[in-house]
Structure formats: structure tokens, C-alpha cells
């Protein structure tokens, strides 16, 4: 089934495997918005241009794409938007201020879209991945990230795509305004280690 995709393409292969065909088509019944690769920059080192660029990539690009799609979905009276965000929206983490703020803003927009669209048959949800295998930001230690994850491994694009596909499907047709964390339990236990790059 065709799904309009706005943003990064790193989930495309897995979505196709699950039967969803990403396309740049706002007339598609469903929408997925995907953020860029995660970058961690300490607040004291975050330049204004970098802040604006990160917020634009994480929140504004997804919002304007969703807005274009939403107008058509509301007219049609059906559809589902799934925004891929990040656990940094609720999990304070060194260097995660800009991306976390953008992810949280996007989750707020998802909840508002769920309220506004619900009476007209349109759902909106978010998927918040944890650390992604092979896509960790530079300073992070992958072994420590794995040890801090109760399921003992990092998330894969396949894990994220499965969550997205479920929220797009009719199997979740009474789920709206929710944030599905795909992090192996990381946000339940994270917090005991203030410095993520050291034991």
C-alpha cells in the first residue's frame, strides 16, 4: 500500500518489506514523517544556526509535510499520520537539547492533529526510537548503550518500521495521539549513568 513519506529515507527498505510503498504523494491515504540522523551537541556549544537547522529538520519539515497531507486527509475523511521522533523528547540526555526539543514539538503537533482529525476519521501517532544500531551519534559507546537497554540490543530500522506499520494499519484503528517507544526498555532504566560514554 502506498504511503506518503516526508523526510529521511532510512526506513524505506523496511517499510517496503512490510508492504508499504513510500512515495512523495500527499494524496496517499497514509503519511510517515522521518527525521534526519541524530546529532548530539552540548547546549553551551550549540550555535544559533545549528539550533535553527536542527529544529527545522526535526519539527518544521515534518509539520509542513503533514499539513499538506492533512488537508487532503480531512477532506477525504480517513488516513493515518505516523511521525518518527526520538526518545530524546522525554529522556534528558547530554547533547540532546536541540533534537529533543524538535522531537517533543513534533509529538505535540501529533497530539493536536489527533484531536482535530479524530472526528473526521484521521488518526495521528508517533514512534520514538531509542538508540539505533549502526546509527549511534559519534560520542556514544555502543557497548554501554546496549548494557543500559534491558532487551540487550539496540533498535534496528526493522524494529522501528514494524511499529510504524502497526500504527498505519487497521489493527490500530482505535489508537490515536499516542507515542510508541521502540527502545528495548532503555527509557525505563536510563538515568543511573549521568555520563553516557563512561562506566
N, C-alpha and C. Protein backbone atom coordinates (compact mmCIF):
# COMPACT_ATOMS: atom_id res chain seq x y z
N UNK A 1 0.84 -1.19 0.00
CA UNK A 1 0.00 0.00 0.00
C UNK A 1 0.89 1.25 0.00
N UNK A 2 0.47 2.26 -0.73
CA UNK A 2 1.27 3.47 -0.83
C UNK A 2 1.15 4.31 0.44
N UNK A 3 2.28 4.89 0.86
CA UNK A 3 2.30 5.80 1.99
C UNK A 3 3.14 7.01 1.61
N UNK A 4 2.62 8.20 1.88
CA UNK A 4 3.39 9.41 1.63
C UNK A 4 4.51 9.49 2.67
N UNK A 5 5.75 9.68 2.21
CA UNK A 5 6.86 9.80 3.14
C UNK A 5 7.51 11.16 3.01
N UNK A 6 7.65 11.85 4.15
CA UNK A 6 8.31 13.15 4.21
C UNK A 6 9.56 13.00 5.07
N UNK A 7 10.71 13.47 4.59
CA UNK A 7 11.93 13.43 5.38
C UNK A 7 12.86 12.32 4.95
N UNK A 8 13.63 11.80 5.92
CA UNK A 8 14.68 10.83 5.64
C UNK A 8 14.17 9.54 5.04
N UNK A 9 15.06 8.86 4.29
CA UNK A 9 14.69 7.63 3.57
C UNK A 9 15.19 6.37 4.25
N UNK A 10 15.75 6.48 5.47
CA UNK A 10 16.40 5.32 6.07
C UNK A 10 15.44 4.20 6.47
N UNK A 11 14.14 4.47 6.49
CA UNK A 11 13.17 3.41 6.80
C UNK A 11 12.54 2.79 5.55
N UNK A 12 12.83 3.36 4.38
CA UNK A 12 12.11 2.94 3.18
C UNK A 12 12.21 1.44 2.92
N UNK A 13 13.41 0.90 2.99
CA UNK A 13 13.60 -0.52 2.67
C UNK A 13 12.77 -1.42 3.57
N UNK A 14 12.75 -1.09 4.86
CA UNK A 14 11.98 -1.92 5.79
C UNK A 14 10.48 -1.73 5.61
N UNK A 15 10.05 -0.52 5.30
CA UNK A 15 8.62 -0.31 5.05
C UNK A 15 8.16 -1.09 3.82
N UNK A 16 9.00 -1.10 2.79
CA UNK A 16 8.67 -1.88 1.59
C UNK A 16 8.55 -3.36 1.93
N UNK A 17 9.47 -3.85 2.75
CA UNK A 17 9.43 -5.26 3.16
C UNK A 17 8.13 -5.61 3.86
N UNK A 18 7.55 -4.62 4.55
CA UNK A 18 6.31 -4.84 5.29
C UNK A 18 5.06 -4.52 4.46
N UNK A 19 5.27 -4.20 3.18
CA UNK A 19 4.13 -3.99 2.30
C UNK A 19 3.70 -2.56 2.11
N UNK A 20 4.54 -1.60 2.56
CA UNK A 20 4.22 -0.18 2.41
C UNK A 20 5.18 0.44 1.40
N UNK A 21 4.65 1.15 0.43
CA UNK A 21 5.46 1.72 -0.63
C UNK A 21 5.58 3.24 -0.43
N UNK A 22 6.75 3.71 0.09
CA UNK A 22 6.91 5.15 0.31
C UNK A 22 6.91 5.93 -1.01
N UNK A 23 6.24 7.09 -1.01
CA UNK A 23 6.17 7.91 -2.20
C UNK A 23 5.97 9.36 -1.79
N UNK A 24 6.31 10.26 -2.69
CA UNK A 24 6.08 11.68 -2.45
C UNK A 24 4.71 12.04 -3.03
N UNK A 25 3.67 11.60 -2.32
CA UNK A 25 2.30 11.75 -2.83
C UNK A 25 1.37 12.15 -1.69
N UNK A 26 1.05 13.43 -1.56
CA UNK A 26 0.18 13.87 -0.46
C UNK A 26 -1.25 13.36 -0.59
N UNK A 27 -1.58 12.74 -1.74
CA UNK A 27 -2.91 12.15 -1.90
C UNK A 27 -2.98 10.75 -1.32
N UNK A 28 -1.83 10.18 -0.90
CA UNK A 28 -1.85 8.84 -0.31
C UNK A 28 -2.67 8.85 0.97
N UNK A 29 -3.27 7.71 1.29
CA UNK A 29 -4.16 7.65 2.46
C UNK A 29 -3.39 7.80 3.76
N UNK A 30 -2.11 7.41 3.77
CA UNK A 30 -1.32 7.43 4.99
C UNK A 30 -0.05 8.26 4.80
N UNK A 31 0.50 8.72 5.93
CA UNK A 31 1.69 9.56 5.93
C UNK A 31 2.68 9.08 6.98
N UNK A 32 3.96 9.07 6.61
CA UNK A 32 5.05 8.84 7.57
C UNK A 32 6.04 9.99 7.44
N UNK A 33 6.38 10.61 8.57
CA UNK A 33 7.42 11.63 8.57
C UNK A 33 8.63 11.08 9.32
N UNK A 34 9.81 11.27 8.73
CA UNK A 34 11.03 10.61 9.22
C UNK A 34 12.11 11.67 9.44
N UNK A 35 12.74 11.68 10.63
CA UNK A 35 13.75 12.70 10.93
C UNK A 35 15.11 12.37 10.31
N UNK A 36 16.02 13.33 10.33
CA UNK A 36 17.38 13.09 9.84
C UNK A 36 18.18 12.31 10.88
N UNK A 37 19.43 11.95 10.58
CA UNK A 37 20.29 11.29 11.57
C UNK A 37 20.44 12.17 12.81
N UNK A 38 20.54 11.53 13.95
CA UNK A 38 20.63 12.21 15.23
C UNK A 38 22.04 12.77 15.46
N UNK A 39 22.10 14.02 15.88
CA UNK A 39 23.37 14.64 16.26
C UNK A 39 23.26 15.15 17.70
N UNK A 40 24.33 14.95 18.47
CA UNK A 40 24.36 15.42 19.86
C UNK A 40 25.35 16.57 19.98
N UNK A 41 24.86 17.71 20.47
CA UNK A 41 25.70 18.89 20.64
C UNK A 41 25.39 19.51 22.00
N UNK A 42 26.37 19.65 22.89
CA UNK A 42 26.12 20.26 24.19
C UNK A 42 25.53 21.66 24.04
N UNK A 43 24.65 22.03 24.96
CA UNK A 43 23.97 23.32 24.87
C UNK A 43 24.94 24.48 24.78
N UNK A 44 26.03 24.43 25.56
CA UNK A 44 26.98 25.54 25.58
C UNK A 44 27.72 25.69 24.25
N UNK A 45 27.69 24.64 23.43
CA UNK A 45 28.40 24.67 22.15
C UNK A 45 27.46 24.79 20.95
N UNK A 46 26.17 24.88 21.22
CA UNK A 46 25.17 24.87 20.16
C UNK A 46 25.04 26.26 19.53
N UNK A 47 25.52 26.40 18.31
CA UNK A 47 25.43 27.67 17.61
C UNK A 47 23.99 27.96 17.19
N UNK A 48 23.60 29.23 17.13
CA UNK A 48 22.22 29.56 16.73
C UNK A 48 21.81 28.93 15.40
N UNK A 49 22.73 28.92 14.44
CA UNK A 49 22.40 28.35 13.14
C UNK A 49 22.14 26.84 13.25
N UNK A 50 22.94 26.18 14.09
CA UNK A 50 22.76 24.74 14.28
C UNK A 50 21.44 24.44 14.98
N UNK A 51 21.09 25.26 15.96
CA UNK A 51 19.80 25.10 16.64
C UNK A 51 18.65 25.23 15.64
N UNK A 52 18.67 26.28 14.84
CA UNK A 52 17.59 26.51 13.88
C UNK A 52 17.54 25.40 12.84
N UNK A 53 18.70 24.96 12.37
CA UNK A 53 18.76 23.90 11.37
C UNK A 53 18.20 22.59 11.93
N UNK A 54 18.56 22.27 13.17
CA UNK A 54 18.09 21.02 13.79
C UNK A 54 16.59 21.07 14.01
N UNK A 55 16.09 22.19 14.55
CA UNK A 55 14.65 22.30 14.81
C UNK A 55 13.86 22.25 13.51
N UNK A 56 14.40 22.87 12.48
CA UNK A 56 13.72 22.83 11.18
C UNK A 56 13.64 21.40 10.66
N UNK A 57 14.74 20.67 10.76
CA UNK A 57 14.78 19.30 10.24
C UNK A 57 13.89 18.36 11.04
N UNK A 58 13.84 18.55 12.36
CA UNK A 58 13.08 17.64 13.21
C UNK A 58 11.60 17.99 13.31
N UNK A 59 11.26 19.28 13.30
CA UNK A 59 9.87 19.67 13.53
C UNK A 59 9.23 20.33 12.31
N UNK A 60 9.87 21.33 11.77
CA UNK A 60 9.21 22.12 10.74
C UNK A 60 9.00 21.35 9.44
N UNK A 61 10.02 20.63 9.00
CA UNK A 61 9.88 19.87 7.75
C UNK A 61 8.75 18.86 7.86
N UNK A 62 8.70 18.16 8.98
CA UNK A 62 7.64 17.17 9.18
C UNK A 62 6.27 17.85 9.26
N UNK A 63 6.21 18.98 9.97
CA UNK A 63 4.93 19.66 10.14
C UNK A 63 4.38 20.15 8.80
N UNK A 64 5.21 20.82 8.01
CA UNK A 64 4.70 21.36 6.75
C UNK A 64 4.30 20.25 5.78
N UNK A 65 5.04 19.14 5.80
CA UNK A 65 4.63 18.00 5.00
C UNK A 65 3.32 17.42 5.49
N UNK A 66 3.18 17.33 6.82
CA UNK A 66 1.95 16.80 7.39
C UNK A 66 0.78 17.73 7.13
N UNK A 67 1.01 19.01 7.20
CA UNK A 67 -0.07 19.97 6.97
C UNK A 67 -0.64 19.83 5.56
N UNK A 68 0.26 19.67 4.59
CA UNK A 68 -0.18 19.50 3.20
C UNK A 68 -1.01 18.21 3.05
N UNK A 69 -0.54 17.13 3.68
CA UNK A 69 -1.25 15.86 3.62
C UNK A 69 -2.56 15.93 4.40
N UNK A 70 -2.53 16.58 5.57
CA UNK A 70 -3.68 16.61 6.46
C UNK A 70 -4.89 17.27 5.81
N UNK A 71 -4.66 18.33 5.06
CA UNK A 71 -5.78 18.99 4.40
C UNK A 71 -6.54 18.01 3.50
N UNK A 72 -5.80 17.19 2.79
CA UNK A 72 -6.43 16.21 1.89
C UNK A 72 -7.07 15.07 2.68
N UNK A 73 -6.42 14.64 3.79
CA UNK A 73 -6.97 13.55 4.59
C UNK A 73 -8.28 13.97 5.25
N UNK A 74 -8.35 15.20 5.74
CA UNK A 74 -9.58 15.68 6.37
C UNK A 74 -10.70 15.79 5.34
N UNK A 75 -10.37 16.21 4.14
CA UNK A 75 -11.38 16.28 3.08
C UNK A 75 -11.87 14.89 2.71
N UNK A 76 -10.93 13.93 2.71
CA UNK A 76 -11.26 12.55 2.36
C UNK A 76 -12.01 11.85 3.50
N UNK A 77 -11.71 12.23 4.74
CA UNK A 77 -12.36 11.62 5.89
C UNK A 77 -11.71 10.34 6.36
N UNK A 78 -10.42 10.15 6.06
CA UNK A 78 -9.71 8.96 6.53
C UNK A 78 -8.22 9.18 6.37
N UNK A 79 -7.44 8.40 7.12
CA UNK A 79 -5.99 8.45 6.99
C UNK A 79 -5.30 8.37 8.33
N UNK A 80 -4.01 8.07 8.28
CA UNK A 80 -3.21 7.94 9.50
C UNK A 80 -1.84 8.54 9.27
N UNK A 81 -1.43 9.41 10.19
CA UNK A 81 -0.08 10.00 10.17
C UNK A 81 0.73 9.37 11.29
N UNK A 82 1.90 8.87 10.95
CA UNK A 82 2.85 8.38 11.95
C UNK A 82 4.13 9.19 11.82
N UNK A 83 4.49 9.87 12.90
CA UNK A 83 5.72 10.67 12.92
C UNK A 83 6.79 9.90 13.67
N UNK A 84 7.92 9.65 13.03
CA UNK A 84 9.07 9.07 13.72
C UNK A 84 9.76 10.21 14.45
N UNK A 85 9.96 10.07 15.76
CA UNK A 85 10.56 11.12 16.56
C UNK A 85 11.80 10.57 17.28
N UNK A 86 11.84 10.66 18.60
CA UNK A 86 13.01 10.17 19.34
C UNK A 86 12.65 10.10 20.82
N UNK A 87 13.31 9.19 21.53
CA UNK A 87 13.15 9.15 22.99
C UNK A 87 13.72 10.39 23.66
N UNK A 88 14.53 11.16 22.92
CA UNK A 88 15.09 12.39 23.49
C UNK A 88 14.00 13.42 23.78
N UNK A 89 12.79 13.20 23.29
CA UNK A 89 11.69 14.11 23.57
C UNK A 89 11.32 14.10 25.05
N UNK A 90 11.53 12.99 25.71
CA UNK A 90 11.18 12.87 27.13
C UNK A 90 12.34 12.42 28.00
N UNK A 91 13.42 11.97 27.39
CA UNK A 91 14.57 11.47 28.12
C UNK A 91 15.71 12.47 28.01
N UNK A 92 15.91 13.28 29.06
CA UNK A 92 17.00 14.25 29.02
C UNK A 92 18.33 13.52 28.85
N UNK A 93 19.15 14.02 27.93
CA UNK A 93 20.39 13.32 27.60
C UNK A 93 21.43 14.34 27.17
N UNK A 94 22.67 14.20 27.61
CA UNK A 94 23.71 15.18 27.23
C UNK A 94 23.81 15.35 25.73
N UNK A 95 23.74 16.58 25.27
CA UNK A 95 23.84 16.87 23.85
C UNK A 95 22.54 16.77 23.08
N UNK A 96 21.48 16.32 23.75
CA UNK A 96 20.22 16.07 23.06
C UNK A 96 19.22 17.20 23.11
N UNK A 97 19.66 18.41 23.49
CA UNK A 97 18.72 19.50 23.66
C UNK A 97 17.99 19.90 22.39
N UNK A 98 18.72 20.10 21.30
CA UNK A 98 18.10 20.57 20.07
C UNK A 98 17.20 19.49 19.45
N UNK A 99 17.74 18.29 19.28
CA UNK A 99 16.93 17.21 18.69
C UNK A 99 15.76 16.86 19.59
N UNK A 100 15.99 16.85 20.92
CA UNK A 100 14.91 16.54 21.84
C UNK A 100 13.80 17.57 21.79
N UNK A 101 14.17 18.85 21.68
CA UNK A 101 13.15 19.90 21.59
C UNK A 101 12.35 19.76 20.30
N UNK A 102 13.03 19.46 19.20
CA UNK A 102 12.32 19.26 17.94
C UNK A 102 11.40 18.06 17.98
N UNK A 103 11.88 16.96 18.59
CA UNK A 103 11.06 15.75 18.70
C UNK A 103 9.83 15.99 19.57
N UNK A 104 10.01 16.72 20.68
CA UNK A 104 8.89 17.00 21.57
C UNK A 104 7.87 17.91 20.88
N UNK A 105 8.36 18.91 20.15
CA UNK A 105 7.45 19.78 19.40
C UNK A 105 6.63 18.97 18.41
N UNK A 106 7.28 18.03 17.73
CA UNK A 106 6.58 17.22 16.74
C UNK A 106 5.54 16.33 17.41
N UNK A 107 5.87 15.78 18.57
CA UNK A 107 4.90 14.95 19.29
C UNK A 107 3.68 15.78 19.73
N UNK A 108 3.90 17.04 20.09
CA UNK A 108 2.79 17.92 20.42
C UNK A 108 1.89 18.12 19.20
N UNK A 109 2.50 18.36 18.05
CA UNK A 109 1.72 18.53 16.82
C UNK A 109 0.93 17.26 16.49
N UNK A 110 1.52 16.10 16.73
CA UNK A 110 0.82 14.83 16.51
C UNK A 110 -0.42 14.75 17.39
N UNK A 111 -0.29 15.11 18.66
CA UNK A 111 -1.44 15.03 19.56
C UNK A 111 -2.54 16.02 19.15
N UNK A 112 -2.14 17.21 18.74
CA UNK A 112 -3.14 18.18 18.28
C UNK A 112 -3.83 17.67 17.02
N UNK A 113 -3.06 17.09 16.11
CA UNK A 113 -3.64 16.53 14.88
C UNK A 113 -4.62 15.40 15.21
N UNK A 114 -4.31 14.62 16.25
CA UNK A 114 -5.21 13.53 16.66
C UNK A 114 -6.53 14.09 17.17
N UNK A 115 -6.47 15.19 17.93
CA UNK A 115 -7.69 15.80 18.45
C UNK A 115 -8.51 16.44 17.33
N UNK A 116 -7.82 17.18 16.46
CA UNK A 116 -8.52 17.87 15.39
C UNK A 116 -9.02 16.92 14.31
N UNK A 117 -8.25 15.87 14.05
CA UNK A 117 -8.61 14.96 12.96
C UNK A 117 -9.52 13.83 13.35
N UNK A 118 -9.53 13.47 14.63
CA UNK A 118 -10.33 12.32 15.07
C UNK A 118 -11.78 12.35 14.64
N UNK A 119 -12.49 13.44 14.88
CA UNK A 119 -13.90 13.48 14.49
C UNK A 119 -14.14 13.33 12.99
N UNK A 120 -13.07 13.49 12.22
CA UNK A 120 -13.21 13.38 10.76
C UNK A 120 -12.47 12.15 10.22
N UNK A 121 -12.18 11.20 11.09
CA UNK A 121 -11.64 9.91 10.65
C UNK A 121 -10.16 9.85 10.43
N UNK A 122 -9.41 10.84 10.95
CA UNK A 122 -7.96 10.87 10.73
C UNK A 122 -7.24 10.64 12.06
N UNK A 123 -6.31 9.69 12.05
CA UNK A 123 -5.53 9.39 13.25
C UNK A 123 -4.11 9.95 13.12
N UNK A 124 -3.47 10.18 14.27
CA UNK A 124 -2.07 10.63 14.29
C UNK A 124 -1.38 10.04 15.50
N UNK A 125 -0.21 9.48 15.29
CA UNK A 125 0.59 8.87 16.36
C UNK A 125 2.07 9.10 16.07
N UNK A 126 2.89 8.79 17.05
CA UNK A 126 4.34 8.91 16.88
C UNK A 126 5.02 7.63 17.32
N UNK A 127 6.17 7.37 16.72
CA UNK A 127 7.07 6.29 17.14
C UNK A 127 8.36 6.95 17.60
N UNK A 128 8.78 6.63 18.82
CA UNK A 128 10.00 7.23 19.37
C UNK A 128 11.06 6.13 19.53
N UNK A 129 11.98 6.03 18.57
CA UNK A 129 13.02 5.00 18.68
C UNK A 129 14.05 5.36 19.76
N UNK A 130 14.65 4.31 20.30
CA UNK A 130 15.82 4.50 21.14
C UNK A 130 17.06 4.59 20.25
N UNK A 131 18.21 4.26 20.82
CA UNK A 131 19.44 4.28 20.03
C UNK A 131 19.36 3.22 18.94
N UNK A 132 19.75 3.62 17.72
CA UNK A 132 19.64 2.73 16.58
C UNK A 132 20.99 2.07 16.27
N UNK A 133 20.97 0.78 16.10
CA UNK A 133 22.17 0.02 15.77
C UNK A 133 22.74 0.53 14.45
N UNK A 134 24.02 0.89 14.45
CA UNK A 134 24.68 1.39 13.25
C UNK A 134 24.45 2.86 12.98
N UNK A 135 23.66 3.52 13.84
CA UNK A 135 23.35 4.93 13.64
C UNK A 135 23.55 5.73 14.93
N UNK A 136 24.44 5.25 15.80
CA UNK A 136 24.70 5.97 17.05
C UNK A 136 25.47 7.26 16.78
N UNK A 137 25.10 8.34 17.46
CA UNK A 137 25.91 9.57 17.35
C UNK A 137 27.33 9.31 17.82
N UNK A 138 28.27 10.00 17.21
CA UNK A 138 29.70 9.77 17.41
C UNK A 138 30.18 9.51 18.81
N UNK A 139 29.86 10.34 19.82
CA UNK A 139 30.49 10.18 21.12
C UNK A 139 29.97 9.01 21.95
N UNK A 140 28.91 8.36 21.52
CA UNK A 140 28.32 7.32 22.35
C UNK A 140 29.07 5.99 22.24
N UNK A 141 29.13 5.29 23.35
CA UNK A 141 29.75 3.97 23.41
C UNK A 141 28.65 2.94 23.19
N UNK A 142 28.75 2.18 22.11
CA UNK A 142 27.67 1.24 21.77
C UNK A 142 27.51 0.15 22.82
N UNK A 143 28.62 -0.31 23.41
CA UNK A 143 28.51 -1.36 24.43
C UNK A 143 27.78 -0.86 25.67
N UNK A 144 28.05 0.40 26.06
CA UNK A 144 27.32 0.96 27.20
C UNK A 144 25.85 1.15 26.87
N UNK A 145 25.56 1.60 25.65
CA UNK A 145 24.17 1.77 25.25
C UNK A 145 23.43 0.44 25.29
N UNK A 146 24.08 -0.63 24.85
CA UNK A 146 23.47 -1.96 24.90
C UNK A 146 23.27 -2.39 26.35
N UNK A 147 24.27 -2.16 27.21
CA UNK A 147 24.15 -2.60 28.61
C UNK A 147 23.07 -1.82 29.35
N UNK A 148 22.76 -0.60 28.91
CA UNK A 148 21.70 0.19 29.51
C UNK A 148 20.32 -0.16 28.97
N UNK A 149 20.25 -1.08 28.01
CA UNK A 149 18.99 -1.46 27.38
C UNK A 149 18.56 -2.84 27.90
N UNK A 150 17.43 -2.94 28.60
CA UNK A 150 17.03 -4.21 29.19
C UNK A 150 16.94 -5.37 28.20
N UNK A 151 16.54 -5.12 26.96
CA UNK A 151 16.45 -6.21 26.00
C UNK A 151 17.80 -6.61 25.41
N UNK A 152 18.86 -5.89 25.79
CA UNK A 152 20.21 -6.32 25.46
C UNK A 152 20.67 -6.07 24.05
N UNK A 153 19.99 -5.20 23.32
CA UNK A 153 20.45 -4.82 21.98
C UNK A 153 19.85 -3.47 21.64
N UNK A 154 20.44 -2.81 20.64
CA UNK A 154 19.91 -1.54 20.17
C UNK A 154 18.78 -1.77 19.18
N UNK A 155 17.98 -0.75 18.96
CA UNK A 155 16.89 -0.86 18.00
C UNK A 155 17.44 -0.93 16.58
N UNK A 156 16.72 -1.59 15.72
CA UNK A 156 17.07 -1.67 14.31
C UNK A 156 16.02 -0.92 13.49
N UNK A 157 16.36 -0.53 12.26
CA UNK A 157 15.33 0.06 11.40
C UNK A 157 14.11 -0.85 11.25
N UNK A 158 14.33 -2.16 11.26
CA UNK A 158 13.20 -3.10 11.15
C UNK A 158 12.27 -2.97 12.36
N UNK A 159 12.85 -2.78 13.55
CA UNK A 159 12.02 -2.60 14.75
C UNK A 159 11.16 -1.36 14.62
N UNK A 160 11.77 -0.27 14.17
CA UNK A 160 11.06 1.00 14.03
C UNK A 160 9.97 0.87 12.96
N UNK A 161 10.32 0.27 11.83
CA UNK A 161 9.35 0.12 10.74
C UNK A 161 8.16 -0.74 11.17
N UNK A 162 8.39 -1.73 12.00
CA UNK A 162 7.28 -2.58 12.48
C UNK A 162 6.31 -1.76 13.32
N UNK A 163 6.85 -0.88 14.16
CA UNK A 163 5.97 -0.02 14.95
C UNK A 163 5.19 0.94 14.07
N UNK A 164 5.87 1.51 13.08
CA UNK A 164 5.21 2.42 12.14
C UNK A 164 4.10 1.69 11.39
N UNK A 165 4.43 0.50 10.87
CA UNK A 165 3.45 -0.26 10.08
C UNK A 165 2.22 -0.61 10.90
N UNK A 166 2.42 -0.97 12.16
CA UNK A 166 1.27 -1.29 13.02
C UNK A 166 0.38 -0.08 13.22
N UNK A 167 0.99 1.08 13.46
CA UNK A 167 0.19 2.29 13.68
C UNK A 167 -0.50 2.76 12.39
N UNK A 168 0.05 2.45 11.24
CA UNK A 168 -0.61 2.77 9.98
C UNK A 168 -1.77 1.84 9.69
N UNK A 169 -1.69 0.63 10.21
CA UNK A 169 -2.64 -0.41 9.82
C UNK A 169 -3.98 -0.27 10.55
N UNK A 170 -4.97 -0.99 10.04
CA UNK A 170 -6.28 -1.02 10.67
C UNK A 170 -6.27 -1.76 12.01
N UNK A 171 -5.19 -2.51 12.29
CA UNK A 171 -5.09 -3.20 13.58
C UNK A 171 -5.00 -2.21 14.74
N UNK A 172 -4.61 -0.97 14.45
CA UNK A 172 -4.51 0.05 15.50
C UNK A 172 -5.55 1.14 15.30
N UNK A 173 -6.71 0.78 14.75
CA UNK A 173 -7.66 1.81 14.34
C UNK A 173 -8.34 2.55 15.49
N UNK A 174 -8.07 2.13 16.73
CA UNK A 174 -8.60 2.90 17.87
C UNK A 174 -7.46 3.48 18.70
N UNK A 175 -6.31 3.65 18.07
CA UNK A 175 -5.14 4.25 18.72
C UNK A 175 -4.86 5.58 18.04
N UNK A 176 -4.86 6.66 18.81
CA UNK A 176 -4.57 7.96 18.23
C UNK A 176 -4.04 8.89 19.32
N UNK A 177 -3.07 9.72 18.94
CA UNK A 177 -2.47 10.65 19.89
C UNK A 177 -1.43 10.02 20.80
N UNK A 178 -0.95 8.84 20.45
CA UNK A 178 -0.01 8.11 21.31
C UNK A 178 1.41 8.20 20.79
N UNK A 179 2.37 7.95 21.70
CA UNK A 179 3.78 7.85 21.37
C UNK A 179 4.24 6.45 21.73
N UNK A 180 4.61 5.68 20.73
CA UNK A 180 5.08 4.31 20.92
C UNK A 180 6.60 4.31 21.00
N UNK A 181 7.13 3.98 22.16
CA UNK A 181 8.59 3.93 22.31
C UNK A 181 9.11 2.57 21.82
N UNK A 182 10.08 2.62 20.93
CA UNK A 182 10.72 1.41 20.41
C UNK A 182 12.18 1.49 20.83
N UNK A 183 12.43 1.17 22.10
CA UNK A 183 13.77 1.41 22.67
C UNK A 183 14.28 0.26 23.51
N UNK A 184 13.62 -0.89 23.46
CA UNK A 184 14.09 -2.04 24.23
C UNK A 184 14.05 -1.83 25.73
N UNK A 185 13.26 -0.86 26.19
CA UNK A 185 13.18 -0.57 27.62
C UNK A 185 14.19 0.44 28.13
N UNK A 186 14.93 1.06 27.21
CA UNK A 186 16.01 1.96 27.61
C UNK A 186 15.53 3.10 28.51
N UNK A 187 14.41 3.72 28.15
CA UNK A 187 13.97 4.87 28.93
C UNK A 187 13.44 4.50 30.31
N UNK A 188 13.17 3.23 30.53
CA UNK A 188 12.75 2.79 31.87
C UNK A 188 13.94 2.82 32.83
N UNK A 189 15.11 2.44 32.33
CA UNK A 189 16.27 2.28 33.20
C UNK A 189 17.29 3.40 33.11
N UNK A 190 17.31 4.13 32.01
CA UNK A 190 18.31 5.18 31.81
C UNK A 190 18.19 6.27 32.88
N UNK A 191 19.29 6.77 33.35
CA UNK A 191 19.27 7.79 34.38
C UNK A 191 20.27 7.47 35.48
N UNK A 192 20.63 6.20 35.58
CA UNK A 192 21.60 5.81 36.60
C UNK A 192 23.02 6.16 36.16
N UNK A 193 23.21 6.45 34.88
CA UNK A 193 24.54 6.77 34.38
C UNK A 193 24.54 8.20 33.84
N UNK A 194 25.03 9.16 34.61
CA UNK A 194 24.98 10.54 34.15
C UNK A 194 25.85 10.84 32.94
N UNK A 195 26.92 10.10 32.79
CA UNK A 195 27.81 10.30 31.64
C UNK A 195 27.72 9.09 30.73
N UNK A 196 27.09 9.26 29.56
CA UNK A 196 26.79 8.10 28.70
C UNK A 196 27.98 7.48 28.01
N UNK A 197 29.17 8.07 28.15
CA UNK A 197 30.33 7.50 27.45
C UNK A 197 31.29 6.81 28.41
N UNK A 198 30.90 6.72 29.71
CA UNK A 198 31.80 6.12 30.69
C UNK A 198 31.03 5.16 31.59
N UNK A 199 31.80 4.18 32.13
CA UNK A 199 31.22 3.27 33.12
C UNK A 199 30.91 4.07 34.39
